């Protein structure tokens, strides 16, 4: 993905486009991590990250609801597309950062970084790295 989330907002992308990019990024993350931690493990971490940001983004809980045992990136895409581009961008970043930190707490930063290096670089990762350096 050629842009970070802030530049997506700055270049005039709308919330639908940001939601599409976020859903694609989560598909990539799922594709790399599910074979290692299992689909259920991936879904549990994803849902835990959603739960942990619920106070800041209560509207994002729509992406958490349902009986589906696996992560529902279509629901995330829908929830993000219904918000402003700034809200969609901020929530996407917060979700990614919380997911990453949760995984770090479970397996440590060196292993988490090694796993994430095998995920194609995407807007969520670049934005999180930029915000961590501020």
C-alpha atoms as a PDB file:
ATOM      1  CA  UNK A   1       0.000   0.000   0.000  1.00  0.00           C
ATOM      2  CA  UNK A   2       1.649   3.178  -1.158  1.00  0.00           C
ATOM      3  CA  UNK A   3       0.552   5.650   1.521  1.00  0.00           C
ATOM      4  CA  UNK A   4       0.329   5.881   5.262  1.00  0.00           C
ATOM      5  CA  UNK A   5      -3.024   6.633   6.819  1.00  0.00           C
ATOM      6  CA  UNK A   6      -2.388  10.320   7.428  1.00  0.00           C
ATOM      7  CA  UNK A   7      -1.361  10.842   3.816  1.00  0.00           C
ATOM      8  CA  UNK A   8      -4.498   8.984   2.724  1.00  0.00           C
ATOM      9  CA  UNK A   9      -6.590  11.559   4.547  1.00  0.00           C
ATOM     10  CA  UNK A  10      -4.429  14.408   3.280  1.00  0.00           C
ATOM     11  CA  UNK A  11      -4.700  13.248  -0.336  1.00  0.00           C
ATOM     12  CA  UNK A  12      -8.455  13.314  -0.173  1.00  0.00           C
ATOM     13  CA  UNK A  13      -9.256   9.639   0.145  1.00  0.00           C
ATOM     14  CA  UNK A  14     -12.672   9.098   1.603  1.00  0.00           C
ATOM     15  CA  UNK A  15     -13.649   6.787   4.443  1.00  0.00           C
ATOM     16  CA  UNK A  16     -14.706   4.045   2.007  1.00  0.00           C
ATOM     17  CA  UNK A  17     -11.235   3.974   0.490  1.00  0.00           C
ATOM     18  CA  UNK A  18      -9.559   4.024   3.887  1.00  0.00           C
ATOM     19  CA  UNK A  19     -11.859   1.208   5.051  1.00  0.00           C
ATOM     20  CA  UNK A  20     -10.890  -0.835   1.982  1.00  0.00           C
ATOM     21  CA  UNK A  21      -7.179  -0.353   2.656  1.00  0.00           C
ATOM     22  CA  UNK A  22      -7.616  -1.252   6.325  1.00  0.00           C
ATOM     23  CA  UNK A  23      -9.556  -4.424   5.481  1.00  0.00           C
ATOM     24  CA  UNK A  24      -6.869  -5.429   2.981  1.00  0.00           C
ATOM     25  CA  UNK A  25      -4.156  -4.831   5.585  1.00  0.00           C
ATOM     26  CA  UNK A  26      -5.971  -7.049   8.084  1.00  0.00           C
ATOM     27  CA  UNK A  27      -6.335  -9.763   5.434  1.00  0.00           C
ATOM     28  CA  UNK A  28      -2.561  -9.640   4.954  1.00  0.00           C
ATOM     29  CA  UNK A  29      -1.931  -9.802   8.692  1.00  0.00           C
ATOM     30  CA  UNK A  30      -4.375 -12.699   9.003  1.00  0.00           C
ATOM     31  CA  UNK A  31      -2.730 -14.499   6.099  1.00  0.00           C
ATOM     32  CA  UNK A  32       0.671 -14.390   7.758  1.00  0.00           C
ATOM     33  CA  UNK A  33      -0.298 -14.966  11.397  1.00  0.00           C
ATOM     34  CA  UNK A  34      -3.096 -17.545  11.083  1.00  0.00           C
ATOM     35  CA  UNK A  35      -0.788 -20.363   9.920  1.00  0.00           C
ATOM     36  CA  UNK A  36       1.398 -19.695  12.973  1.00  0.00           C
ATOM     37  CA  UNK A  37      -1.095 -18.928  15.752  1.00  0.00           C
ATOM     38  CA  UNK A  38      -4.170 -20.502  14.162  1.00  0.00           C
ATOM     39  CA  UNK A  39      -7.303 -18.845  12.852  1.00  0.00           C
ATOM     40  CA  UNK A  40      -8.864 -18.954  16.301  1.00  0.00           C
ATOM     41  CA  UNK A  41      -5.759 -17.383  17.845  1.00  0.00           C
ATOM     42  CA  UNK A  42      -5.751 -14.642  15.256  1.00  0.00           C
ATOM     43  CA  UNK A  43      -9.461 -14.009  15.807  1.00  0.00           C
ATOM     44  CA  UNK A  44      -9.025 -13.891  19.581  1.00  0.00           C
ATOM     45  CA  UNK A  45      -6.201 -11.338  19.339  1.00  0.00           C
ATOM     46  CA  UNK A  46      -8.128  -9.234  16.846  1.00  0.00           C
ATOM     47  CA  UNK A  47     -11.278  -9.261  18.974  1.00  0.00           C
ATOM     48  CA  UNK A  48      -9.224  -8.505  22.095  1.00  0.00           C
ATOM     49  CA  UNK A  49      -7.707  -5.470  20.356  1.00  0.00           C
ATOM     50  CA  UNK A  50     -11.197  -4.299  19.365  1.00  0.00           C
ATOM     51  CA  UNK A  51     -12.349  -4.764  22.949  1.00  0.00           C
ATOM     52  CA  UNK A  52      -9.423  -2.761  24.318  1.00  0.00           C
ATOM     53  CA  UNK A  53     -10.182   0.295  22.157  1.00  0.00           C
ATOM     54  CA  UNK A  54     -13.956   0.177  22.728  1.00  0.00           C
ATOM     55  CA  UNK A  55     -14.000   3.189  25.061  1.00  0.00           C
ATOM     56  CA  UNK A  56     -12.338   5.416  22.483  1.00  0.00           C
ATOM     57  CA  UNK A  57     -14.176   3.974  19.464  1.00  0.00           C
ATOM     58  CA  UNK A  58     -17.448   2.449  20.719  1.00  0.00           C
ATOM     59  CA  UNK A  59     -18.880   2.457  17.193  1.00  0.00           C
ATOM     60  CA  UNK A  60     -16.147   0.037  16.144  1.00  0.00           C
ATOM     61  CA  UNK A  61     -17.657  -2.685  18.325  1.00  0.00           C
ATOM     62  CA  UNK A  62     -19.922  -3.535  15.380  1.00  0.00           C
ATOM     63  CA  UNK A  63     -16.819  -5.201  13.934  1.00  0.00           C
ATOM     64  CA  UNK A  64     -16.637  -7.375  17.071  1.00  0.00           C
ATOM     65  CA  UNK A  65     -20.212  -8.594  17.289  1.00  0.00           C
ATOM     66  CA  UNK A  66     -21.562 -11.873  16.053  1.00  0.00           C
ATOM     67  CA  UNK A  67     -21.005 -15.525  16.610  1.00  0.00           C
ATOM     68  CA  UNK A  68     -18.292 -15.850  13.984  1.00  0.00           C
ATOM     69  CA  UNK A  69     -15.287 -17.541  15.554  1.00  0.00           C
ATOM     70  CA  UNK A  70     -12.971 -15.799  13.109  1.00  0.00           C
ATOM     71  CA  UNK A  71     -12.029 -12.187  12.528  1.00  0.00           C
ATOM     72  CA  UNK A  72     -14.645 -10.408  10.439  1.00  0.00           C
ATOM     73  CA  UNK A  73     -12.821  -7.875   8.321  1.00  0.00           C
ATOM     74  CA  UNK A  74     -15.951  -7.167   6.264  1.00  0.00           C
ATOM     75  CA  UNK A  75     -17.641  -5.912   9.429  1.00  0.00           C
ATOM     76  CA  UNK A  76     -14.587  -3.746  10.156  1.00  0.00           C
ATOM     77  CA  UNK A  77     -14.704  -2.354   6.633  1.00  0.00           C
ATOM     78  CA  UNK A  78     -18.396  -1.503   7.021  1.00  0.00           C
ATOM     79  CA  UNK A  79     -17.895   0.144  10.419  1.00  0.00           C
ATOM     80  CA  UNK A  80     -14.996   2.270   9.132  1.00  0.00           C
ATOM     81  CA  UNK A  81     -16.760   3.276   5.934  1.00  0.00           C
ATOM     82  CA  UNK A  82     -19.663   4.719   7.944  1.00  0.00           C
ATOM     83  CA  UNK A  83     -17.388   7.220   9.725  1.00  0.00           C
ATOM     84  CA  UNK A  84     -15.494  10.303   8.599  1.00  0.00           C
ATOM     85  CA  UNK A  85     -12.141   9.754   6.961  1.00  0.00           C
ATOM     86  CA  UNK A  86     -10.368  11.122  10.038  1.00  0.00           C
ATOM     87  CA  UNK A  87     -12.297   8.791  12.369  1.00  0.00           C
ATOM     88  CA  UNK A  88     -11.730   5.800  10.075  1.00  0.00           C
ATOM     89  CA  UNK A  89      -8.015   6.506   9.892  1.00  0.00           C
ATOM     90  CA  UNK A  90      -7.611   7.035  13.639  1.00  0.00           C
ATOM     91  CA  UNK A  91      -9.603   3.932  14.553  1.00  0.00           C
ATOM     92  CA  UNK A  92      -7.668   1.796  12.065  1.00  0.00           C
ATOM     93  CA  UNK A  93      -4.398   2.941  13.537  1.00  0.00           C
ATOM     94  CA  UNK A  94      -5.568   2.436  17.125  1.00  0.00           C
ATOM     95  CA  UNK A  95      -6.753  -1.092  16.348  1.00  0.00           C
ATOM     96  CA  UNK A  96      -3.476  -2.020  14.696  1.00  0.00           C
ATOM     97  CA  UNK A  97      -1.396  -0.591  17.539  1.00  0.00           C
ATOM     98  CA  UNK A  98      -3.476  -2.370  20.188  1.00  0.00           C
ATOM     99  CA  UNK A  99      -3.255  -5.671  18.272  1.00  0.00           C
ATOM    100  CA  UNK A 100       0.510  -5.313  17.987  1.00  0.00           C
ATOM    101  CA  UNK A 101       0.932  -4.452  21.677  1.00  0.00           C
ATOM    102  CA  UNK A 102      -1.274  -7.365  22.715  1.00  0.00           C
ATOM    103  CA  UNK A 103       0.829  -9.759  20.666  1.00  0.00           C
ATOM    104  CA  UNK A 104       4.018  -8.256  22.130  1.00  0.00           C
ATOM    105  CA  UNK A 105       2.656  -8.853  25.636  1.00  0.00           C
ATOM    106  CA  UNK A 106       2.054 -12.503  24.785  1.00  0.00           C
ATOM    107  CA  UNK A 107       5.193 -13.482  22.883  1.00  0.00           C
ATOM    108  CA  UNK A 108       7.631 -10.597  23.281  1.00  0.00           C
ATOM    109  CA  UNK A 109       8.754  -7.838  20.983  1.00  0.00           C
ATOM    110  CA  UNK A 110      11.575  -9.647  19.150  1.00  0.00           C
ATOM    111  CA  UNK A 111       9.326 -12.500  18.023  1.00  0.00           C
ATOM    112  CA  UNK A 112       6.437 -10.164  17.220  1.00  0.00           C
ATOM    113  CA  UNK A 113       8.744  -8.021  15.093  1.00  0.00           C
ATOM    114  CA  UNK A 114      10.013 -11.103  13.255  1.00  0.00           C
ATOM    115  CA  UNK A 115       6.446 -12.196  12.526  1.00  0.00           C
ATOM    116  CA  UNK A 116       5.415  -8.738  11.363  1.00  0.00           C
ATOM    117  CA  UNK A 117       8.432  -8.450   9.065  1.00  0.00           C
ATOM    118  CA  UNK A 118       6.897 -11.216   6.969  1.00  0.00           C
ATOM    119  CA  UNK A 119       3.702  -9.175   6.528  1.00  0.00           C
ATOM    120  CA  UNK A 120       3.815  -7.023   3.390  1.00  0.00           C
ATOM    121  CA  UNK A 121       4.434  -3.409   4.365  1.00  0.00           C
ATOM    122  CA  UNK A 122       1.136  -1.597   4.557  1.00  0.00           C
ATOM    123  CA  UNK A 123      -0.361   1.707   5.564  1.00  0.00           C
ATOM    124  CA  UNK A 124      -1.195   0.533   9.070  1.00  0.00           C
ATOM    125  CA  UNK A 125       2.360  -0.546   9.814  1.00  0.00           C
ATOM    126  CA  UNK A 126       3.963   2.616   8.440  1.00  0.00           C
ATOM    127  CA  UNK A 127       1.587   4.835  10.362  1.00  0.00           C
ATOM    128  CA  UNK A 128       2.142   2.953  13.615  1.00  0.00           C
ATOM    129  CA  UNK A 129       5.924   3.230  13.200  1.00  0.00           C
ATOM    130  CA  UNK A 130       5.660   6.971  12.570  1.00  0.00           C
ATOM    131  CA  UNK A 131       3.482   7.529  15.644  1.00  0.00           C
ATOM    132  CA  UNK A 132       5.786   5.447  17.865  1.00  0.00           C
ATOM    133  CA  UNK A 133       8.728   7.651  16.894  1.00  0.00           C
ATOM    134  CA  UNK A 134       6.951  10.887  17.893  1.00  0.00           C
END
